[in-house]
N, C-alpha and C. Protein backbone atom coordinates (compact mmCIF):
# COMPACT_ATOMS: atom_id res chain seq x y z
N MET A 1 81.22 105.20 120.81
CA MET A 1 82.32 105.32 120.32
C MET A 1 82.96 105.07 119.18
N MET A 2 82.72 103.77 118.91
CA MET A 2 83.21 103.36 117.62
C MET A 2 82.33 103.79 116.28
N ASN A 3 82.42 104.75 116.04
CA ASN A 3 81.76 105.54 114.76
C ASN A 3 82.64 105.22 113.44
N GLU A 4 81.91 105.74 112.13
CA GLU A 4 82.81 105.35 111.17
C GLU A 4 84.30 106.26 111.45
N LYS A 5 84.58 107.25 111.62
CA LYS A 5 85.64 107.77 111.52
C LYS A 5 86.69 107.20 112.70
N ASN A 6 86.21 106.99 113.60
CA ASN A 6 86.84 106.19 114.62
C ASN A 6 87.39 104.57 114.03
N ARG A 7 86.38 103.95 113.22
CA ARG A 7 86.82 102.73 112.80
C ARG A 7 87.86 102.76 111.87
N ALA A 8 87.80 103.82 110.97
CA ALA A 8 88.92 104.06 110.04
C ALA A 8 90.33 104.74 110.69
N LYS A 9 90.46 105.07 111.88
CA LYS A 9 91.25 105.39 112.86
C LYS A 9 91.92 104.02 112.96
N PHE A 10 91.05 103.25 113.78
CA PHE A 10 91.32 101.64 114.07
C PHE A 10 91.88 101.13 113.36
N GLU A 11 91.42 101.00 111.92
CA GLU A 11 92.00 100.23 110.29
C GLU A 11 93.35 100.95 110.60
N GLU A 12 93.48 102.35 110.62
CA GLU A 12 94.94 103.05 110.00
C GLU A 12 96.18 102.44 111.29
N ILE A 13 95.54 102.23 112.44
CA ILE A 13 96.34 102.01 113.34
C ILE A 13 96.69 100.48 113.15
N ILE A 14 95.70 99.37 112.53
CA ILE A 14 96.17 98.39 112.46
C ILE A 14 97.25 98.01 110.94
N LYS A 15 96.84 98.78 110.22
CA LYS A 15 97.62 98.74 109.06
C LYS A 15 99.07 99.39 108.98
N ASN A 16 99.08 100.09 109.78
CA ASN A 16 100.61 101.08 109.88
C ASN A 16 101.20 100.68 111.48
N GLY A 17 100.56 99.58 112.00
CA GLY A 17 101.14 99.69 113.56
C GLY A 17 101.59 100.79 114.90
N GLY A 18 100.59 101.83 114.06
CA GLY A 18 100.67 102.82 114.76
C GLY A 18 100.01 104.06 114.37
N ILE A 19 99.81 105.15 115.06
CA ILE A 19 99.48 106.79 114.05
C ILE A 19 100.07 107.81 115.07
N VAL A 20 99.88 108.70 114.12
CA VAL A 20 100.42 109.97 114.98
C VAL A 20 99.30 110.94 115.57
N ALA A 21 98.98 111.53 116.18
CA ALA A 21 97.78 111.98 116.97
C ALA A 21 98.20 112.82 118.07
N LYS A 22 97.44 113.76 118.20
CA LYS A 22 97.59 114.43 119.66
C LYS A 22 96.64 114.08 120.84
N ILE A 23 97.66 113.80 121.89
CA ILE A 23 97.10 112.94 123.23
C ILE A 23 96.20 113.83 124.08
N VAL A 24 94.96 113.49 124.20
CA VAL A 24 93.76 114.66 125.10
C VAL A 24 94.15 114.12 126.19
N THR A 25 94.40 115.30 127.15
CA THR A 25 94.26 114.95 128.54
C THR A 25 92.65 115.36 129.51
N ARG A 26 92.01 116.06 128.59
CA ARG A 26 90.73 116.11 129.37
C ARG A 26 89.39 115.80 128.04
N PHE A 27 88.47 114.94 129.04
CA PHE A 27 87.15 114.37 127.99
C PHE A 27 85.91 115.07 128.65
N SER A 28 84.84 115.19 127.87
CA SER A 28 83.61 115.62 128.29
C SER A 28 82.90 114.51 127.57
N PHE A 29 81.50 114.29 127.89
CA PHE A 29 80.70 113.43 127.09
C PHE A 29 79.93 113.91 126.03
N ASP A 30 80.24 115.25 125.39
CA ASP A 30 79.83 115.98 124.22
C ASP A 30 80.78 115.78 123.28
N ASN A 31 81.82 115.20 123.60
CA ASN A 31 83.08 115.24 122.41
C ASN A 31 83.73 113.86 122.73
N MET A 32 82.87 112.90 123.20
CA MET A 32 83.62 111.45 123.57
C MET A 32 83.85 110.86 122.25
N ASN A 33 82.87 111.00 120.76
CA ASN A 33 82.94 110.52 119.80
C ASN A 33 84.49 110.93 118.74
N ASP A 34 84.89 112.30 119.12
CA ASP A 34 86.07 112.75 118.43
C ASP A 34 87.26 112.19 118.35
N GLU A 35 87.80 111.93 117.27
CA GLU A 35 89.02 110.90 116.89
C GLU A 35 89.75 111.27 117.90
N ASP A 36 89.85 112.56 117.95
CA ASP A 36 91.82 112.29 119.02
C ASP A 36 91.28 111.93 120.28
N ASN A 37 89.73 112.18 120.87
CA ASN A 37 89.51 111.44 121.90
C ASN A 37 89.39 109.58 122.02
N PHE A 38 89.14 109.21 120.89
CA PHE A 38 88.97 107.84 120.66
C PHE A 38 90.62 107.42 120.61
N VAL A 39 91.56 107.91 119.92
CA VAL A 39 92.72 107.72 119.90
C VAL A 39 93.48 107.46 121.00
N SER A 40 93.24 108.89 122.33
CA SER A 40 93.62 109.21 123.42
C SER A 40 93.44 107.96 124.22
N LEU A 41 91.95 107.35 124.38
CA LEU A 41 91.34 106.55 124.75
C LEU A 41 92.34 105.06 124.80
N LEU A 42 92.53 104.83 123.85
CA LEU A 42 93.61 103.36 123.30
C LEU A 42 94.49 103.70 124.12
N PHE A 43 95.25 104.94 124.06
CA PHE A 43 96.37 105.33 124.78
C PHE A 43 96.29 105.05 126.44
N TYR A 44 95.48 105.28 126.89
CA TYR A 44 95.15 105.48 128.24
C TYR A 44 94.76 104.24 129.05
N MET A 45 94.26 103.40 127.90
CA MET A 45 93.80 101.66 127.90
C MET A 45 95.50 101.02 128.18
N GLY A 46 96.32 101.53 127.53
CA GLY A 46 97.26 100.74 127.26
C GLY A 46 97.62 99.90 125.73
N LEU A 47 96.53 100.06 124.74
CA LEU A 47 96.44 99.75 123.79
C LEU A 47 97.43 99.98 122.87
N LEU A 48 98.21 101.23 122.87
CA LEU A 48 99.04 102.35 122.43
C LEU A 48 100.06 102.79 123.31
N THR A 49 101.32 102.49 122.86
CA THR A 49 102.41 103.63 123.73
C THR A 49 102.88 104.46 122.63
N ASN A 50 103.69 105.64 123.48
CA ASN A 50 104.75 106.61 122.82
C ASN A 50 105.67 105.55 122.09
N ASP A 51 105.96 106.44 120.88
CA ASP A 51 107.08 105.94 119.85
C ASP A 51 107.99 106.92 120.19
N SER A 52 107.34 108.13 119.51
CA SER A 52 108.53 109.39 118.92
C SER A 52 107.50 110.43 119.07
N ILE A 53 108.48 111.99 118.61
CA ILE A 53 107.61 112.80 118.31
C ILE A 53 107.94 113.38 117.24
N ILE A 54 107.05 113.68 116.31
CA ILE A 54 107.07 113.86 114.81
C ILE A 54 106.53 115.66 114.70
N TYR A 55 106.93 116.57 114.21
CA TYR A 55 106.55 117.79 114.26
C TYR A 55 105.57 118.20 115.27
N GLY A 56 106.16 118.00 116.58
CA GLY A 56 105.08 118.35 117.79
C GLY A 56 104.08 117.51 118.26
N GLU A 57 104.07 116.35 117.18
CA GLU A 57 102.78 115.53 117.98
C GLU A 57 103.53 114.46 117.97
N THR A 58 102.69 113.44 118.82
CA THR A 58 103.13 111.92 119.14
C THR A 58 102.63 110.79 118.45
N LYS A 59 103.64 110.46 118.14
CA LYS A 59 103.47 108.72 117.32
C LYS A 59 103.47 107.78 118.09
N LEU A 60 102.40 106.93 118.16
CA LEU A 60 102.02 105.91 118.95
C LEU A 60 101.92 104.86 118.11
N ARG A 61 102.50 103.58 119.03
CA ARG A 61 102.18 102.46 118.35
C ARG A 61 101.82 101.36 119.09
N THR A 62 101.70 100.30 118.35
CA THR A 62 101.19 99.12 119.39
C THR A 62 102.26 98.51 120.43
N PRO A 63 101.94 98.85 121.37
CA PRO A 63 103.27 98.18 122.51
C PRO A 63 103.65 96.86 122.57
N ASN A 64 103.07 95.73 121.97
CA ASN A 64 103.49 94.47 121.93
C ASN A 64 102.94 93.26 121.09
N TYR A 65 103.27 92.40 120.97
CA TYR A 65 102.83 91.17 120.47
C TYR A 65 101.40 90.48 120.46
N VAL A 66 100.77 90.78 121.73
CA VAL A 66 99.72 90.47 122.47
C VAL A 66 98.90 91.58 121.77
N THR A 67 99.18 92.75 122.15
CA THR A 67 97.98 94.13 121.70
C THR A 67 98.07 93.65 120.20
N LYS A 68 99.02 93.44 119.34
CA LYS A 68 98.74 92.83 118.08
C LYS A 68 97.82 92.43 117.50
N LYS A 69 97.85 91.53 118.01
CA LYS A 69 97.05 89.92 117.71
C LYS A 69 95.75 90.51 118.02
N ILE A 70 95.26 91.21 119.16
CA ILE A 70 94.21 92.24 119.55
C ILE A 70 93.72 92.55 118.00
N PHE A 71 94.37 93.86 117.62
CA PHE A 71 93.97 94.48 116.78
C PHE A 71 94.03 93.29 115.02
N TRP A 72 94.82 92.76 115.07
CA TRP A 72 94.51 91.51 114.07
C TRP A 72 93.56 91.02 113.78
N GLU A 73 93.12 90.42 115.15
CA GLU A 73 91.86 89.57 115.31
C GLU A 73 90.42 90.35 115.09
N TYR A 74 90.76 91.52 115.57
CA TYR A 74 89.64 92.79 115.05
C TYR A 74 89.66 92.92 113.66
N PHE A 75 90.40 93.05 112.70
CA PHE A 75 90.50 93.29 111.33
C PHE A 75 90.06 92.17 110.91
N ASN A 76 90.46 90.99 111.03
CA ASN A 76 89.85 89.54 110.58
C ASN A 76 88.55 89.54 110.95
N LYS A 77 87.97 89.78 111.96
CA LYS A 77 86.58 89.16 111.95
C LYS A 77 85.66 90.26 111.70
N LYS A 78 86.18 91.58 111.03
CA LYS A 78 85.29 92.61 110.76
C LYS A 78 85.25 92.54 108.96
N LEU A 79 86.34 91.85 108.90
CA LEU A 79 86.48 91.61 107.06
C LEU A 79 85.84 90.58 106.61
N ARG A 80 85.61 89.77 107.47
CA ARG A 80 84.70 88.40 107.21
C ARG A 80 83.50 88.62 107.21
N LYS A 81 83.06 89.39 108.33
CA LYS A 81 81.67 89.71 108.51
C LYS A 81 81.43 90.97 107.16
N GLU A 82 81.84 91.81 107.03
CA GLU A 82 81.56 92.55 105.92
C GLU A 82 81.41 92.10 104.68
N HIS A 83 82.17 91.05 104.42
CA HIS A 83 82.39 90.43 103.01
C HIS A 83 81.84 89.14 102.89
N SER A 84 81.67 88.88 103.90
CA SER A 84 80.73 87.16 104.17
C SER A 84 81.73 86.10 103.69
N LEU A 85 82.90 86.08 104.25
CA LEU A 85 84.05 85.47 103.76
C LEU A 85 84.08 84.43 104.82
N GLY A 86 83.96 83.08 103.99
CA GLY A 86 83.73 81.95 104.81
C GLY A 86 84.83 81.17 104.47
N HIS A 87 85.58 80.26 105.26
CA HIS A 87 86.47 79.35 104.70
C HIS A 87 86.96 77.86 105.65
N SER A 88 87.56 76.92 105.07
CA SER A 88 87.66 76.05 105.93
C SER A 88 88.65 75.97 106.88
N THR A 89 88.33 76.13 107.78
CA THR A 89 89.49 76.06 109.31
C THR A 89 90.12 75.00 108.56
N GLU A 90 90.00 74.01 108.42
CA GLU A 90 90.78 72.79 108.24
C GLU A 90 92.05 73.25 107.42
N GLU A 91 91.58 73.52 106.36
CA GLU A 91 92.23 73.94 104.84
C GLU A 91 93.32 75.51 105.40
N LEU A 92 92.75 76.42 105.94
CA LEU A 92 93.74 77.01 106.64
C LEU A 92 95.00 76.51 107.27
N ALA A 93 94.59 76.15 108.36
CA ALA A 93 95.56 75.38 109.38
C ALA A 93 96.26 74.61 108.26
N LYS A 94 96.05 73.34 107.65
CA LYS A 94 96.69 72.24 106.93
C LYS A 94 97.69 73.72 106.21
N ALA A 95 97.17 74.72 105.69
CA ALA A 95 98.01 75.62 104.84
C ALA A 95 99.42 76.23 105.28
N ILE A 96 98.84 76.56 106.64
CA ILE A 96 100.17 77.23 107.64
C ILE A 96 100.96 76.19 107.87
N TRP A 97 100.29 75.01 108.38
CA TRP A 97 100.95 73.74 108.69
C TRP A 97 102.24 73.48 107.47
N GLN A 98 101.93 73.17 106.29
CA GLN A 98 102.64 72.89 105.16
C GLN A 98 104.02 73.91 105.24
N ALA A 99 103.63 75.12 105.63
CA ALA A 99 104.63 76.04 105.20
C ALA A 99 105.46 75.96 106.53
N GLY A 100 105.02 75.97 107.62
CA GLY A 100 105.90 75.71 108.59
C GLY A 100 106.77 74.15 108.98
N ILE A 101 106.20 73.00 108.38
CA ILE A 101 106.80 71.90 108.61
C ILE A 101 107.30 71.28 107.23
N HIS A 102 106.57 71.39 106.30
CA HIS A 102 106.95 71.20 104.99
C HIS A 102 108.05 71.80 104.09
N GLY A 103 107.82 73.26 104.15
CA GLY A 103 108.84 74.00 103.73
C GLY A 103 107.87 74.55 102.29
N GLU A 104 106.69 74.82 102.35
CA GLU A 104 105.60 74.87 101.13
C GLU A 104 104.42 75.77 101.43
N ILE A 105 105.23 77.07 101.19
CA ILE A 105 104.37 78.62 101.77
C ILE A 105 103.20 78.56 100.44
N ALA A 106 103.55 78.23 99.15
CA ALA A 106 102.32 78.45 97.68
C ALA A 106 100.96 78.14 98.56
N PRO A 107 100.71 76.72 99.34
CA PRO A 107 99.49 76.48 99.97
C PRO A 107 98.82 77.38 100.49
N PHE A 108 99.36 78.27 101.31
CA PHE A 108 98.73 79.75 102.41
C PHE A 108 98.68 80.44 101.34
N ILE A 109 99.48 80.99 100.38
CA ILE A 109 99.07 82.11 99.20
C ILE A 109 97.90 82.13 98.36
N ASP A 110 97.82 80.55 98.29
CA ASP A 110 96.79 80.39 97.10
C ASP A 110 95.45 80.18 98.03
N PHE A 111 95.34 80.51 99.37
CA PHE A 111 94.37 80.41 100.21
C PHE A 111 93.83 81.67 100.40
N ILE A 112 94.79 82.62 100.36
CA ILE A 112 94.22 83.88 101.01
C ILE A 112 93.59 84.79 99.36
N SER A 113 94.33 83.97 98.23
CA SER A 113 93.97 84.69 96.97
C SER A 113 92.47 84.08 96.85
N LYS A 114 92.34 82.72 97.13
CA LYS A 114 91.12 82.04 96.55
C LYS A 114 90.19 82.21 97.53
N ASN A 115 90.24 82.79 98.82
CA ASN A 115 88.99 82.63 100.06
C ASN A 115 88.99 84.22 100.43
N VAL A 116 89.98 84.92 100.03
CA VAL A 116 89.90 86.69 100.54
C VAL A 116 90.03 87.69 99.27
N LEU A 117 91.00 87.58 98.76
CA LEU A 117 91.46 88.52 97.54
C LEU A 117 90.70 88.69 96.40
N LYS A 118 90.37 87.39 95.84
CA LYS A 118 89.04 87.09 94.68
C LYS A 118 87.63 87.25 95.11
N LYS A 119 87.36 87.41 96.23
CA LYS A 119 86.14 87.49 96.86
C LYS A 119 85.55 88.97 97.08
N LEU A 120 86.75 89.63 97.76
CA LEU A 120 86.46 91.09 97.76
C LEU A 120 86.25 91.73 96.22
N SER A 121 85.16 93.00 96.50
CA SER A 121 84.50 93.91 95.63
C SER A 121 85.51 94.64 95.13
N ASN A 122 85.29 95.30 93.75
CA ASN A 122 86.01 96.02 93.22
C ASN A 122 86.27 97.53 93.97
N ARG A 123 85.25 97.71 94.61
CA ARG A 123 85.24 98.93 95.23
C ARG A 123 86.43 98.85 96.51
N ASP A 124 86.63 97.14 97.30
CA ASP A 124 87.48 97.27 98.07
C ASP A 124 89.28 97.25 97.32
N LEU A 125 88.82 96.96 96.18
CA LEU A 125 90.27 96.76 95.19
C LEU A 125 90.96 98.20 95.29
N ILE A 126 90.48 99.23 95.31
CA ILE A 126 90.78 100.56 95.09
C ILE A 126 91.74 101.05 95.89
N GLN A 127 91.67 100.36 97.45
CA GLN A 127 92.55 100.51 98.61
C GLN A 127 93.29 99.95 98.73
N PHE A 128 93.45 99.01 97.55
CA PHE A 128 94.41 97.44 98.11
C PHE A 128 95.81 98.30 97.91
N ASN A 129 96.75 97.52 98.90
CA ASN A 129 98.00 98.15 98.91
C ASN A 129 99.02 97.10 99.24
N GLU A 130 99.97 97.45 99.56
CA GLU A 130 101.22 96.19 100.27
C GLU A 130 100.68 96.04 101.69
N LYS A 131 100.66 97.23 102.25
CA LYS A 131 100.05 97.31 103.67
C LYS A 131 98.43 96.35 104.12
N TYR A 132 97.63 96.61 102.70
CA TYR A 132 96.14 96.37 103.39
C TYR A 132 96.56 94.77 102.78
N ILE A 133 96.98 94.00 102.15
CA ILE A 133 97.31 92.65 102.09
C ILE A 133 98.12 92.17 103.03
N LYS A 134 99.03 93.12 103.81
CA LYS A 134 99.77 92.29 104.38
C LYS A 134 99.18 92.00 105.94
N THR A 135 97.98 93.04 106.34
CA THR A 135 97.38 93.37 107.50
C THR A 135 96.53 91.58 107.37
N ILE A 136 95.87 91.65 105.95
CA ILE A 136 95.11 90.54 105.57
C ILE A 136 95.73 88.97 106.12
N MET A 137 97.32 89.22 105.40
CA MET A 137 97.80 87.91 105.92
C MET A 137 98.12 87.64 107.34
N LEU A 138 98.39 88.69 107.75
CA LEU A 138 98.66 88.58 109.30
C LEU A 138 97.52 87.99 109.99
N SER A 139 96.33 88.62 109.87
CA SER A 139 94.62 88.18 110.36
C SER A 139 94.56 86.81 110.15
N TYR A 140 95.07 86.26 109.16
CA TYR A 140 95.08 85.03 109.28
C TYR A 140 95.94 84.22 109.83
N LEU A 141 97.06 84.10 109.97
CA LEU A 141 98.25 83.65 110.44
C LEU A 141 98.23 83.61 111.80
N ILE A 142 97.42 84.13 112.40
CA ILE A 142 97.43 84.28 113.87
C ILE A 142 96.53 83.25 114.67
N MET A 143 95.56 82.78 113.63
CA MET A 143 94.86 81.46 114.08
C MET A 143 95.47 80.30 113.80
N SER A 144 96.94 80.70 113.95
CA SER A 144 97.35 78.98 114.10
C SER A 144 98.73 79.17 114.83
N ASN A 145 99.19 78.02 115.61
CA ASN A 145 100.56 78.22 116.69
C ASN A 145 101.59 78.10 115.57
N VAL A 146 101.99 77.94 114.33
CA VAL A 146 102.77 77.14 114.03
C VAL A 146 103.95 78.64 113.48
N PHE A 147 103.24 79.65 113.35
CA PHE A 147 104.37 80.97 113.44
C PHE A 147 103.69 81.94 114.26
N ARG A 148 104.75 82.97 115.04
CA ARG A 148 104.86 84.01 115.14
C ARG A 148 105.04 85.27 114.21
N PRO A 149 104.18 85.58 113.64
CA PRO A 149 104.26 86.77 112.48
C PRO A 149 104.92 87.82 113.23
N ASN A 150 105.99 88.49 112.46
CA ASN A 150 106.01 89.65 112.78
C ASN A 150 106.16 90.80 111.18
N SER A 151 105.46 91.62 111.37
CA SER A 151 105.24 92.79 110.65
C SER A 151 106.29 94.27 110.69
N GLU A 152 107.08 93.90 109.81
CA GLU A 152 108.03 95.60 109.08
C GLU A 152 108.93 95.24 110.43
N LYS A 153 109.79 94.16 110.73
CA LYS A 153 110.65 93.41 111.62
C LYS A 153 112.15 94.65 110.82
N GLU A 154 112.94 95.12 111.75
CA GLU A 154 113.69 95.91 111.51
C GLU A 154 114.76 95.20 111.56
N ILE A 155 116.10 95.10 110.95
CA ILE A 155 117.19 94.66 111.16
C ILE A 155 118.11 95.21 110.30
N GLU A 156 119.63 95.29 110.28
CA GLU A 156 120.20 96.53 109.81
C GLU A 156 120.51 96.59 108.01
N ASN A 157 119.65 95.79 107.32
CA ASN A 157 119.30 95.74 105.78
C ASN A 157 118.28 96.54 105.60
N GLY A 158 117.29 96.68 105.96
CA GLY A 158 116.14 97.13 105.96
C GLY A 158 115.08 97.18 107.32
N TYR A 159 113.65 96.62 106.58
CA TYR A 159 112.71 96.56 107.13
C TYR A 159 111.89 95.25 106.37
N ILE A 160 111.70 93.90 106.63
CA ILE A 160 111.13 93.09 106.40
C ILE A 160 109.73 93.14 106.67
N ASP A 161 108.85 93.12 105.29
CA ASP A 161 107.53 93.29 105.06
C ASP A 161 106.78 92.23 106.21
N LEU A 162 107.14 90.85 106.14
CA LEU A 162 106.30 89.90 106.53
C LEU A 162 107.84 88.77 107.16
N TYR A 163 107.95 88.41 108.53
CA TYR A 163 109.03 87.31 109.00
C TYR A 163 108.13 86.42 109.90
N LEU A 164 107.76 85.33 108.89
CA LEU A 164 107.39 84.30 109.75
C LEU A 164 107.91 83.57 110.63
N GLU A 165 108.27 83.78 111.96
CA GLU A 165 109.08 83.25 113.01
C GLU A 165 108.45 82.17 113.50
N LYS A 166 109.48 81.15 113.85
CA LYS A 166 108.71 79.51 114.38
C LYS A 166 108.10 80.02 115.70
N ASP A 167 106.85 79.79 115.97
CA ASP A 167 106.33 79.78 117.16
C ASP A 167 106.74 78.47 118.33
N VAL A 168 107.19 78.86 119.40
CA VAL A 168 107.63 77.92 120.45
C VAL A 168 106.51 76.86 120.67
N ARG A 169 105.14 76.82 120.30
CA ARG A 169 104.34 76.41 120.96
C ARG A 169 104.01 74.89 119.43
N THR A 170 104.85 75.35 118.69
CA THR A 170 104.83 73.85 117.47
C THR A 170 106.24 73.59 117.43
N PRO A 171 106.86 72.89 118.44
CA PRO A 171 108.29 72.73 118.16
C PRO A 171 108.67 71.43 116.81
N GLU A 172 107.79 70.77 116.30
CA GLU A 172 107.70 70.47 114.80
C GLU A 172 107.94 71.17 113.80
N ALA A 173 107.66 72.34 113.69
CA ALA A 173 108.22 73.37 112.80
C ALA A 173 109.79 73.53 112.32
N GLU A 174 109.76 73.53 111.33
CA GLU A 174 111.64 73.39 110.53
C GLU A 174 111.34 74.93 109.99
N TYR A 175 110.71 75.28 109.31
CA TYR A 175 110.99 76.29 108.19
C TYR A 175 110.44 77.81 108.91
N GLU A 176 111.16 78.64 108.73
CA GLU A 176 110.57 80.55 108.50
C GLU A 176 110.57 80.80 107.27
N TRP A 177 110.16 81.96 107.11
CA TRP A 177 109.80 82.78 106.21
C TRP A 177 109.99 84.01 106.20
N LEU A 178 110.93 84.91 105.19
CA LEU A 178 110.62 85.85 104.78
C LEU A 178 110.03 86.30 103.40
N LEU A 179 108.97 87.30 103.82
CA LEU A 179 108.32 87.47 102.71
C LEU A 179 108.20 89.31 102.46
N GLU A 180 108.47 89.23 101.35
CA GLU A 180 108.34 90.84 100.53
C GLU A 180 107.18 91.06 99.74
N LEU A 181 106.39 91.77 100.06
CA LEU A 181 104.91 91.94 99.50
C LEU A 181 105.20 93.26 98.24
N LYS A 182 104.68 93.09 97.56
CA LYS A 182 104.61 93.79 96.27
C LYS A 182 103.15 93.90 95.26
N TYR A 183 102.88 95.20 95.50
CA TYR A 183 101.20 95.04 94.26
C TYR A 183 101.65 96.09 93.49
N LEU A 184 101.15 95.57 92.12
CA LEU A 184 100.97 96.36 90.87
C LEU A 184 99.18 96.19 90.49
N LYS A 185 99.06 97.35 90.28
CA LYS A 185 98.01 97.60 89.44
C LYS A 185 97.63 96.91 88.25
N LYS A 186 96.41 96.96 87.57
CA LYS A 186 96.61 95.95 86.28
C LYS A 186 97.28 96.57 85.16
N SER A 187 97.30 98.12 85.17
CA SER A 187 97.38 98.68 84.08
C SER A 187 99.76 98.53 84.64
N ASP A 188 99.98 97.86 85.34
CA ASP A 188 101.46 97.80 85.52
C ASP A 188 101.90 96.06 85.15
N GLU A 189 101.32 95.60 84.65
CA GLU A 189 101.43 94.31 84.32
C GLU A 189 102.53 93.79 83.75
N LYS A 190 103.19 94.82 83.10
CA LYS A 190 104.40 94.32 82.19
C LYS A 190 105.44 94.72 83.15
N GLN A 191 105.21 95.32 84.39
CA GLN A 191 106.46 95.42 85.27
C GLN A 191 106.97 94.27 86.56
N ILE A 192 105.87 93.12 86.27
CA ILE A 192 105.94 92.23 86.96
C ILE A 192 107.39 91.39 87.46
N GLU A 193 107.80 91.00 85.87
CA GLU A 193 109.14 90.24 86.38
C GLU A 193 110.28 91.14 86.86
N LYS A 194 110.37 92.60 86.84
CA LYS A 194 111.07 93.28 87.17
C LYS A 194 110.80 93.63 88.79
N VAL A 195 109.45 93.91 89.09
CA VAL A 195 109.52 93.80 90.46
C VAL A 195 109.70 92.55 91.11
N ARG A 196 109.48 91.80 90.46
CA ARG A 196 109.50 89.99 91.02
C ARG A 196 111.17 90.29 91.55
N ILE A 197 112.11 90.51 90.27
CA ILE A 197 113.78 90.59 90.78
C ILE A 197 114.03 91.05 91.73
N GLU A 198 113.40 92.69 91.62
CA GLU A 198 113.91 93.46 92.93
C GLU A 198 113.43 93.08 94.30
N GLY A 199 112.22 92.43 94.41
CA GLY A 199 111.79 91.75 95.66
C GLY A 199 112.77 90.54 95.82
N LEU A 200 112.93 89.73 95.16
CA LEU A 200 114.41 88.84 95.83
C LEU A 200 115.56 89.22 96.13
N LYS A 201 116.17 90.61 95.44
CA LYS A 201 117.12 90.83 95.79
C LYS A 201 116.96 91.38 97.18
N GLN A 202 115.70 92.16 97.30
CA GLN A 202 115.59 92.80 98.88
C GLN A 202 115.79 91.20 100.12
N LEU A 203 115.00 90.36 99.50
CA LEU A 203 114.91 89.19 100.77
C LEU A 203 116.38 88.52 100.76
N ARG A 204 117.66 88.45 99.71
CA ARG A 204 118.46 88.04 99.78
C ARG A 204 119.10 88.71 100.73
N ARG A 205 119.25 90.22 100.77
CA ARG A 205 119.95 91.24 101.56
C ARG A 205 119.45 90.78 102.64
N TYR A 206 118.15 90.83 103.10
CA TYR A 206 117.65 90.66 104.44
C TYR A 206 118.24 89.42 104.97
N ALA A 207 117.97 88.28 104.26
CA ALA A 207 118.82 86.80 104.68
C ALA A 207 120.38 87.22 105.08
N LYS A 208 120.95 88.18 104.73
CA LYS A 208 122.12 87.96 104.86
C LYS A 208 122.76 88.53 106.55
N SER A 209 121.46 89.34 106.97
CA SER A 209 121.06 90.23 108.41
C SER A 209 122.04 89.10 109.39
N SER A 210 122.75 89.85 110.22
CA SER A 210 123.06 89.17 111.77
C SER A 210 121.98 88.41 112.59
N GLU A 211 120.63 88.82 112.06
CA GLU A 211 119.24 88.21 112.87
C GLU A 211 119.25 86.67 112.50
N PHE A 212 119.91 86.48 111.11
CA PHE A 212 119.51 85.27 110.79
C PHE A 212 120.65 84.49 110.21
N GLU A 213 121.95 85.13 111.38
CA GLU A 213 123.22 84.56 111.21
C GLU A 213 123.17 83.09 111.90
N GLY A 214 123.52 81.91 110.83
CA GLY A 214 123.61 80.52 111.45
C GLY A 214 122.57 79.75 111.04
N LYS A 215 121.50 80.66 110.21
CA LYS A 215 120.30 79.67 109.80
C LYS A 215 120.57 79.18 108.29
N LYS A 216 120.31 77.91 107.65
CA LYS A 216 120.32 77.89 106.71
C LYS A 216 119.32 78.30 105.72
N ILE A 217 119.90 78.88 104.70
CA ILE A 217 118.54 79.70 103.45
C ILE A 217 118.41 78.78 102.33
């Protein structure tokens, strides 16, 4: 079932939070490895649910946070296995703890940069984009109970790349985070400051949403 094409479909679902596909109603043993059959099985198993209809095809999405965690955990295990990525569990836990308890996000960003991004091959860097980096971050954030991370959270002012919401299992946490991810190629290095300013403007706009009314910024 999980051949290379189906793995690619699976990762597409993880990165995009869903997929546009045809729902198959009949299966046979001759075509069980077919990509449409694979996605349809995920749907019938409850790992995907109906979202909308686009050009006559069904857009499917992950139905809830528990299911999203299943997908993110799979991505993390696959990423670490394929690239022999090792890390200190204590270092990761401390980095996420500092973000939620002490309001310092830099240790977590540094952890991802040092232990993941810098160790991936040049071949993998070709597929790098904001969604890929976001999925990497999500797959590590769920290893802690400090945050309940939200991807592409919809508010009246747009969609937040990453909203790190406090997890009720860690009442000590005092800080939440809105993260806007930007990815630039080496050739666009001169645009860093411009893109940084644009990102800050977006974050300020998101912070004014009614979703965060009454919260100290």
